All heavy atoms as atom14 arrays in JSON, in Angstrom:
{
  "sequence": "NTVYLQMNSLKPEDTAVYYCSAGRFDIVGKYSANY",
  "atom14_mask": [
    [1, 1, 1, 1, 1, 1, 1, 1, 0, 0, 0, 0, 0, 0],
    [1, 1, 1, 1, 1, 1, 1, 0, 0, 0, 0, 0, 0, 0],
    [1, 1, 1, 1, 1, 1, 1, 0, 0, 0, 0, 0, 0, 0],
    [1, 1, 1, 1, 1, 1, 1, 1, 1, 1, 1, 1, 0, 0],
    [1, 1, 1, 1, 1, 1, 1, 1, 0, 0, 0, 0, 0, 0],
    [1, 1, 1, 1, 1, 1, 1, 1, 1, 0, 0, 0, 0, 0],
    [1, 1, 1, 1, 1, 1, 1, 1, 0, 0, 0, 0, 0, 0],
    [1, 1, 1, 1, 1, 1, 1, 1, 0, 0, 0, 0, 0, 0],
    [1, 1, 1, 1, 1, 1, 0, 0, 0, 0, 0, 0, 0, 0],
    [1, 1, 1, 1, 1, 1, 1, 1, 0, 0, 0, 0, 0, 0],
    [1, 1, 1, 1, 1, 1, 1, 1, 1, 0, 0, 0, 0, 0],
    [1, 1, 1, 1, 1, 1, 1, 0, 0, 0, 0, 0, 0, 0],
    [1, 1, 1, 1, 1, 1, 1, 1, 1, 0, 0, 0, 0, 0],
    [1, 1, 1, 1, 1, 1, 1, 1, 0, 0, 0, 0, 0, 0],
    [1, 1, 1, 1, 1, 1, 1, 0, 0, 0, 0, 0, 0, 0],
    [1, 1, 1, 1, 1, 0, 0, 0, 0, 0, 0, 0, 0, 0],
    [1, 1, 1, 1, 1, 1, 1, 0, 0, 0, 0, 0, 0, 0],
    [1, 1, 1, 1, 1, 1, 1, 1, 1, 1, 1, 1, 0, 0],
    [1, 1, 1, 1, 1, 1, 1, 1, 1, 1, 1, 1, 0, 0],
    [1, 1, 1, 1, 1, 1, 0, 0, 0, 0, 0, 0, 0, 0],
    [1, 1, 1, 1, 1, 1, 0, 0, 0, 0, 0, 0, 0, 0],
    [1, 1, 1, 1, 1, 0, 0, 0, 0, 0, 0, 0, 0, 0],
    [1, 1, 1, 1, 0, 0, 0, 0, 0, 0, 0, 0, 0, 0],
    [1, 1, 1, 1, 1, 1, 1, 1, 1, 1, 1, 0, 0, 0],
    [1, 1, 1, 1, 1, 1, 1, 1, 1, 1, 1, 0, 0, 0],
    [1, 1, 1, 1, 1, 1, 1, 1, 0, 0, 0, 0, 0, 0],
    [1, 1, 1, 1, 1, 1, 1, 1, 0, 0, 0, 0, 0, 0],
    [1, 1, 1, 1, 1, 1, 1, 0, 0, 0, 0, 0, 0, 0],
    [1, 1, 1, 1, 0, 0, 0, 0, 0, 0, 0, 0, 0, 0],
    [1, 1, 1, 1, 1, 1, 1, 1, 1, 0, 0, 0, 0, 0],
    [1, 1, 1, 1, 1, 1, 1, 1, 1, 1, 1, 1, 0, 0],
    [1, 1, 1, 1, 1, 1, 0, 0, 0, 0, 0, 0, 0, 0],
    [1, 1, 1, 1, 1, 0, 0, 0, 0, 0, 0, 0, 0, 0],
    [1, 1, 1, 1, 1, 1, 1, 1, 0, 0, 0, 0, 0, 0],
    [1, 1, 1, 1, 1, 1, 1, 1, 1, 1, 1, 1, 0, 0]
  ],
  "atom14_positions": [
    [[-2.32, -15.8, 3.08], [-3.01, -14.89, 2.27], [-3.1, -13.46, 2.77], [-4.08, -12.77, 2.66], [-4.36, -15.42, 1.78], [-4.34, -16.55, 0.79], [-3.29, -17.11, 0.46], [-5.43, -16.85, 0.3], [0.0, 0.0, 0.0], [0.0, 0.0, 0.0], [0.0, 0.0, 0.0], [0.0, 0.0, 0.0], [0.0, 0.0, 0.0], [0.0, 0.0, 0.0]],
    [[-2.01, -13.04, 3.35], [-2.08, -11.71, 4.23], [-0.9, -10.99, 3.89], [0.34, -11.42, 3.7], [-2.07, -12.15, 5.72], [-3.24, -12.94, 6.01], [-2.2, -10.84, 6.54], [0.0, 0.0, 0.0], [0.0, 0.0, 0.0], [0.0, 0.0, 0.0], [0.0, 0.0, 0.0], [0.0, 0.0, 0.0], [0.0, 0.0, 0.0], [0.0, 0.0, 0.0]],
    [[-1.13, -9.61, 3.76], [-0.11, -8.62, 3.63], [-0.15, -7.66, 4.85], [-1.27, -7.48, 5.46], [-0.23, -7.86, 2.35], [-1.53, -7.0, 2.22], [1.0, -6.89, 2.17], [0.0, 0.0, 0.0], [0.0, 0.0, 0.0], [0.0, 0.0, 0.0], [0.0, 0.0, 0.0], [0.0, 0.0, 0.0], [0.0, 0.0, 0.0], [0.0, 0.0, 0.0]],
    [[0.96, -7.22, 5.33], [0.98, -6.44, 6.56], [1.66, -5.16, 6.3], [2.45, -5.0, 5.42], [1.88, -7.07, 7.56], [1.35, -8.48, 7.98], [1.96, -9.68, 7.4], [0.36, -8.66, 8.89], [1.45, -10.9, 7.66], [-0.09, -9.97, 9.25], [0.48, -11.11, 8.61], [-0.02, -12.33, 9.05], [0.0, 0.0, 0.0], [0.0, 0.0, 0.0]],
    [[1.36, -4.21, 7.08], [2.06, -2.88, 7.12], [2.4, -2.59, 8.54], [1.52, -2.18, 9.32], [1.35, -1.75, 6.41], [1.98, -0.38, 6.31], [3.11, -0.49, 5.3], [1.04, 0.76, 5.83], [0.0, 0.0, 0.0], [0.0, 0.0, 0.0], [0.0, 0.0, 0.0], [0.0, 0.0, 0.0], [0.0, 0.0, 0.0], [0.0, 0.0, 0.0]],
    [[3.71, -2.73, 8.92], [4.18, -2.29, 10.22], [4.56, -0.92, 10.23], [5.3, -0.51, 9.36], [5.35, -3.15, 10.66], [5.99, -2.87, 11.99], [5.05, -3.2, 13.11], [4.56, -4.2, 13.11], [4.78, -2.2, 14.04], [0.0, 0.0, 0.0], [0.0, 0.0, 0.0], [0.0, 0.0, 0.0], [0.0, 0.0, 0.0], [0.0, 0.0, 0.0]],
    [[3.85, -0.08, 11.01], [4.02, 1.46, 11.05], [4.72, 1.7, 12.39], [4.08, 1.55, 13.44], [2.75, 2.1, 10.81], [2.09, 1.72, 9.52], [0.55, 2.66, 9.23], [-0.46, 2.18, 10.56], [0.0, 0.0, 0.0], [0.0, 0.0, 0.0], [0.0, 0.0, 0.0], [0.0, 0.0, 0.0], [0.0, 0.0, 0.0], [0.0, 0.0, 0.0]],
    [[5.86, 2.34, 12.25], [6.58, 2.7, 13.61], [6.81, 4.14, 13.51], [6.8, 4.79, 12.41], [7.96, 1.96, 13.72], [7.74, 0.53, 13.85], [6.8, -0.06, 14.48], [8.69, -0.22, 13.28], [0.0, 0.0, 0.0], [0.0, 0.0, 0.0], [0.0, 0.0, 0.0], [0.0, 0.0, 0.0], [0.0, 0.0, 0.0], [0.0, 0.0, 0.0]],
    [[7.11, 4.8, 14.6], [7.43, 6.31, 14.72], [6.37, 7.13, 13.96], [6.75, 8.02, 13.16], [8.73, 6.47, 14.07], [9.78, 5.81, 14.72], [0.0, 0.0, 0.0], [0.0, 0.0, 0.0], [0.0, 0.0, 0.0], [0.0, 0.0, 0.0], [0.0, 0.0, 0.0], [0.0, 0.0, 0.0], [0.0, 0.0, 0.0], [0.0, 0.0, 0.0]],
    [[5.13, 6.88, 14.33], [3.95, 7.48, 13.66], [3.98, 8.94, 13.93], [4.21, 9.45, 15.02], [2.68, 6.81, 14.02], [2.58, 5.49, 13.36], [1.36, 4.67, 14.02], [2.11, 5.68, 11.83], [0.0, 0.0, 0.0], [0.0, 0.0, 0.0], [0.0, 0.0, 0.0], [0.0, 0.0, 0.0], [0.0, 0.0, 0.0], [0.0, 0.0, 0.0]],
    [[3.56, 9.72, 12.94], [3.51, 11.17, 12.98], [2.05, 11.5, 12.7], [1.31, 10.86, 12.09], [4.36, 11.71, 11.89], [5.84, 11.38, 12.04], [6.63, 12.03, 10.88], [8.08, 11.57, 10.9], [8.87, 12.11, 9.76], [0.0, 0.0, 0.0], [0.0, 0.0, 0.0], [0.0, 0.0, 0.0], [0.0, 0.0, 0.0], [0.0, 0.0, 0.0]],
    [[1.66, 12.63, 13.2], [0.25, 13.16, 12.85], [-0.05, 13.26, 11.39], [-1.17, 12.99, 11.0], [0.19, 14.61, 13.5], [1.15, 14.58, 14.6], [2.3, 13.61, 14.09], [0.0, 0.0, 0.0], [0.0, 0.0, 0.0], [0.0, 0.0, 0.0], [0.0, 0.0, 0.0], [0.0, 0.0, 0.0], [0.0, 0.0, 0.0], [0.0, 0.0, 0.0]],
    [[0.92, 13.47, 10.52], [0.65, 13.51, 9.15], [0.45, 12.17, 8.51], [0.15, 12.01, 7.37], [1.9, 14.25, 8.36], [3.25, 13.83, 8.72], [3.87, 14.64, 9.77], [3.27, 15.02, 10.78], [5.09, 14.95, 9.62], [0.0, 0.0, 0.0], [0.0, 0.0, 0.0], [0.0, 0.0, 0.0], [0.0, 0.0, 0.0], [0.0, 0.0, 0.0]],
    [[0.75, 11.19, 9.24], [0.29, 9.74, 8.82], [-1.14, 9.47, 8.87], [-1.58, 8.45, 8.4], [1.08, 8.74, 9.64], [2.61, 8.78, 9.35], [3.04, 8.96, 8.22], [3.32, 8.61, 10.39], [0.0, 0.0, 0.0], [0.0, 0.0, 0.0], [0.0, 0.0, 0.0], [0.0, 0.0, 0.0], [0.0, 0.0, 0.0], [0.0, 0.0, 0.0]],
    [[-1.86, 10.36, 9.54], [-3.32, 10.14, 9.68], [-4.03, 10.13, 8.34], [-3.85, 10.95, 7.52], [-4.02, 11.32, 10.58], [-3.43, 11.32, 11.89], [-5.45, 11.07, 10.68], [0.0, 0.0, 0.0], [0.0, 0.0, 0.0], [0.0, 0.0, 0.0], [0.0, 0.0, 0.0], [0.0, 0.0, 0.0], [0.0, 0.0, 0.0], [0.0, 0.0, 0.0]],
    [[-4.72, 8.94, 8.13], [-5.36, 8.74, 6.83], [-6.19, 7.45, 6.95], [-6.08, 6.69, 7.93], [-4.36, 8.68, 5.71], [0.0, 0.0, 0.0], [0.0, 0.0, 0.0], [0.0, 0.0, 0.0], [0.0, 0.0, 0.0], [0.0, 0.0, 0.0], [0.0, 0.0, 0.0], [0.0, 0.0, 0.0], [0.0, 0.0, 0.0], [0.0, 0.0, 0.0]],
    [[-7.01, 7.25, 5.93], [-7.55, 5.91, 5.73], [-6.58, 5.11, 4.83], [-6.16, 5.55, 3.82], [-8.91, 5.98, 4.96], [-9.43, 4.55, 4.77], [-9.9, 6.81, 5.77], [0.0, 0.0, 0.0], [0.0, 0.0, 0.0], [0.0, 0.0, 0.0], [0.0, 0.0, 0.0], [0.0, 0.0, 0.0], [0.0, 0.0, 0.0], [0.0, 0.0, 0.0]],
    [[-6.24, 3.93, 5.34], [-5.23, 3.07, 4.72], [-6.01, 1.96, 3.99], [-6.78, 1.26, 4.54], [-4.22, 2.47, 5.7], [-3.17, 3.54, 6.11], [-3.55, 4.63, 6.95], [-1.91, 3.44, 5.77], [-2.65, 5.5, 7.27], [-0.92, 4.41, 6.08], [-1.35, 5.39, 6.89], [-0.42, 6.34, 7.24], [0.0, 0.0, 0.0], [0.0, 0.0, 0.0]],
    [[-5.61, 1.8, 2.64], [-6.27, 0.78, 1.85], [-5.25, -0.18, 1.32], [-4.15, 0.14, 0.92], [-6.82, 1.49, 0.55], [-7.96, 2.51, 0.85], [-7.64, 3.85, 1.09], [-9.19, 2.08, 0.91], [-8.65, 4.71, 1.33], [-10.24, 2.99, 1.16], [-9.95, 4.28, 1.39], [-10.99, 5.26, 1.61], [0.0, 0.0, 0.0], [0.0, 0.0, 0.0]],
    [[-5.62, -1.51, 1.45], [-4.85, -2.55, 0.87], [-5.25, -2.74, -0.56], [-6.48, -2.55, -0.96], [-5.17, -3.78, 1.62], [-4.28, -5.38, 1.13], [0.0, 0.0, 0.0], [0.0, 0.0, 0.0], [0.0, 0.0, 0.0], [0.0, 0.0, 0.0], [0.0, 0.0, 0.0], [0.0, 0.0, 0.0], [0.0, 0.0, 0.0], [0.0, 0.0, 0.0]],
    [[-4.3, -3.15, -1.5], [-4.67, -3.46, -2.76], [-3.93, -4.65, -3.33], [-2.84, -4.99, -2.82], [-4.44, -2.27, -3.8], [-3.11, -2.08, -4.05], [0.0, 0.0, 0.0], [0.0, 0.0, 0.0], [0.0, 0.0, 0.0], [0.0, 0.0, 0.0], [0.0, 0.0, 0.0], [0.0, 0.0, 0.0], [0.0, 0.0, 0.0], [0.0, 0.0, 0.0]],
    [[-4.4, -5.33, -4.36], [-3.73, -6.4, -5.09], [-3.72, -6.02, -6.49], [-4.7, -5.51, -7.08], [-4.43, -7.81, -4.87], [0.0, 0.0, 0.0], [0.0, 0.0, 0.0], [0.0, 0.0, 0.0], [0.0, 0.0, 0.0], [0.0, 0.0, 0.0], [0.0, 0.0, 0.0], [0.0, 0.0, 0.0], [0.0, 0.0, 0.0], [0.0, 0.0, 0.0]],
    [[-2.58, -6.17, -7.14], [-2.38, -5.79, -8.45], [-1.16, -6.34, -9.12], [-0.77, -7.44, -8.95], [0.0, 0.0, 0.0], [0.0, 0.0, 0.0], [0.0, 0.0, 0.0], [0.0, 0.0, 0.0], [0.0, 0.0, 0.0], [0.0, 0.0, 0.0], [0.0, 0.0, 0.0], [0.0, 0.0, 0.0], [0.0, 0.0, 0.0], [0.0, 0.0, 0.0]],
    [[-0.56, -5.52, -9.97], [0.63, -5.91, -10.72], [1.4, -4.81, -11.08], [0.97, -3.63, -11.06], [0.32, -6.75, -12.02], [-0.48, -5.97, -12.91], [-0.9, -6.84, -14.13], [0.27, -7.52, -14.84], [0.9, -6.96, -15.83], [0.51, -5.68, -16.2], [1.86, -7.56, -16.34], [0.0, 0.0, 0.0], [0.0, 0.0, 0.0], [0.0, 0.0, 0.0]],
    [[2.7, -5.08, -11.44], [3.52, -4.02, -12.08], [3.55, -4.17, -13.56], [3.54, -5.33, -14.11], [5.07, -4.15, -11.52], [5.19, -4.01, -10.13], [5.32, -5.13, -9.22], [5.29, -2.77, -9.61], [5.45, -4.84, -7.94], [5.44, -2.49, -8.31], [5.55, -3.65, -7.39], [0.0, 0.0, 0.0], [0.0, 0.0, 0.0], [0.0, 0.0, 0.0]],
    [[3.39, -3.03, -14.17], [3.41, -2.99, -15.65], [4.84, -3.11, -16.12], [5.8, -3.35, -15.4], [2.64, -1.78, -16.17], [3.38, -0.45, -15.95], [4.64, -0.47, -15.61], [2.8, 0.58, -16.12], [0.0, 0.0, 0.0], [0.0, 0.0, 0.0], [0.0, 0.0, 0.0], [0.0, 0.0, 0.0], [0.0, 0.0, 0.0], [0.0, 0.0, 0.0]],
    [[4.97, -3.06, -17.51], [6.24, -3.41, -18.12], [7.4, -2.44, -17.72], [8.56, -2.67, -17.77], [6.06, -3.43, -19.7], [7.37, -4.09, -20.21], [5.86, -2.06, -20.21], [7.07, -4.5, -21.73], [0.0, 0.0, 0.0], [0.0, 0.0, 0.0], [0.0, 0.0, 0.0], [0.0, 0.0, 0.0], [0.0, 0.0, 0.0], [0.0, 0.0, 0.0]],
    [[6.93, -1.18, -17.33], [7.95, -0.19, -16.94], [8.1, -0.04, -15.36], [8.6, 0.9, -14.95], [7.7, 1.2, -17.52], [7.69, 1.09, -19.03], [6.25, 1.73, -17.05], [0.0, 0.0, 0.0], [0.0, 0.0, 0.0], [0.0, 0.0, 0.0], [0.0, 0.0, 0.0], [0.0, 0.0, 0.0], [0.0, 0.0, 0.0], [0.0, 0.0, 0.0]],
    [[7.42, -0.97, -14.68], [7.53, -1.01, -13.2], [6.51, -0.29, -12.41], [6.68, -0.09, -11.29], [0.0, 0.0, 0.0], [0.0, 0.0, 0.0], [0.0, 0.0, 0.0], [0.0, 0.0, 0.0], [0.0, 0.0, 0.0], [0.0, 0.0, 0.0], [0.0, 0.0, 0.0], [0.0, 0.0, 0.0], [0.0, 0.0, 0.0], [0.0, 0.0, 0.0]],
    [[5.47, 0.27, -13.01], [4.48, 1.0, -12.35], [3.48, 0.15, -11.75], [2.8, -0.64, -12.49], [3.85, 2.1, -13.19], [2.81, 2.96, -12.54], [2.15, 3.94, -13.52], [1.18, 4.76, -12.89], [0.56, 5.83, -13.74], [0.0, 0.0, 0.0], [0.0, 0.0, 0.0], [0.0, 0.0, 0.0], [0.0, 0.0, 0.0], [0.0, 0.0, 0.0]],
    [[3.13, 0.38, -10.43], [2.12, -0.54, -9.82], [0.68, -0.11, -10.28], [0.39, 1.1, -10.22], [2.26, -0.54, -8.3], [1.21, -1.28, -7.61], [1.36, -2.7, -7.44], [-0.01, -0.73, -7.09], [0.33, -3.46, -6.89], [-0.88, -1.45, -6.58], [-0.77, -2.81, -6.4], [-1.7, -3.55, -5.78], [0.0, 0.0, 0.0], [0.0, 0.0, 0.0]],
    [[-0.16, -1.06, -10.53], [-1.46, -0.81, -10.91], [-2.37, -1.77, -10.08], [-2.18, -2.88, -10.03], [-1.81, -1.03, -12.41], [-1.09, -0.17, -13.22], [0.0, 0.0, 0.0], [0.0, 0.0, 0.0], [0.0, 0.0, 0.0], [0.0, 0.0, 0.0], [0.0, 0.0, 0.0], [0.0, 0.0, 0.0], [0.0, 0.0, 0.0], [0.0, 0.0, 0.0]],
    [[-3.3, -1.12, -9.25], [-4.22, -1.91, -8.49], [-5.38, -2.57, -9.3], [-6.0, -1.77, -10.19], [-4.77, -1.01, -7.4], [0.0, 0.0, 0.0], [0.0, 0.0, 0.0], [0.0, 0.0, 0.0], [0.0, 0.0, 0.0], [0.0, 0.0, 0.0], [0.0, 0.0, 0.0], [0.0, 0.0, 0.0], [0.0, 0.0, 0.0], [0.0, 0.0, 0.0]],
    [[-5.71, -3.72, -9.09], [-6.88, -4.4, -9.65], [-7.96, -4.6, -8.64], [-9.17, -4.62, -8.97], [-6.48, -5.8, -10.23], [-5.45, -5.68, -11.32], [-4.39, -6.24, -11.28], [-5.85, -5.0, -12.36], [0.0, 0.0, 0.0], [0.0, 0.0, 0.0], [0.0, 0.0, 0.0], [0.0, 0.0, 0.0], [0.0, 0.0, 0.0], [0.0, 0.0, 0.0]],
    [[-7.68, -4.72, -7.27], [-8.7, -4.96, -6.29], [-8.28, -4.09, -5.11], [-7.04, -3.77, -4.81], [-8.66, -6.47, -5.79], [-8.93, -7.37, -7.02], [-7.9, -8.0, -7.67], [-10.24, -7.65, -7.45], [-8.16, -8.88, -8.71], [-10.51, -8.51, -8.5], [-9.38, -9.12, -9.15], [-9.71, -10.06, -10.19], [0.0, 0.0, 0.0], [0.0, 0.0, 0.0]]
  ]
}
């Protein structure tokens, strides 16, 4: 029940708060977060 984000070659502009979400893609392929 785990999702990962492997981040390599990190740059200063990658600095941020990173959030995980669970959701779905709509009929036109756009991701929408539910949690």
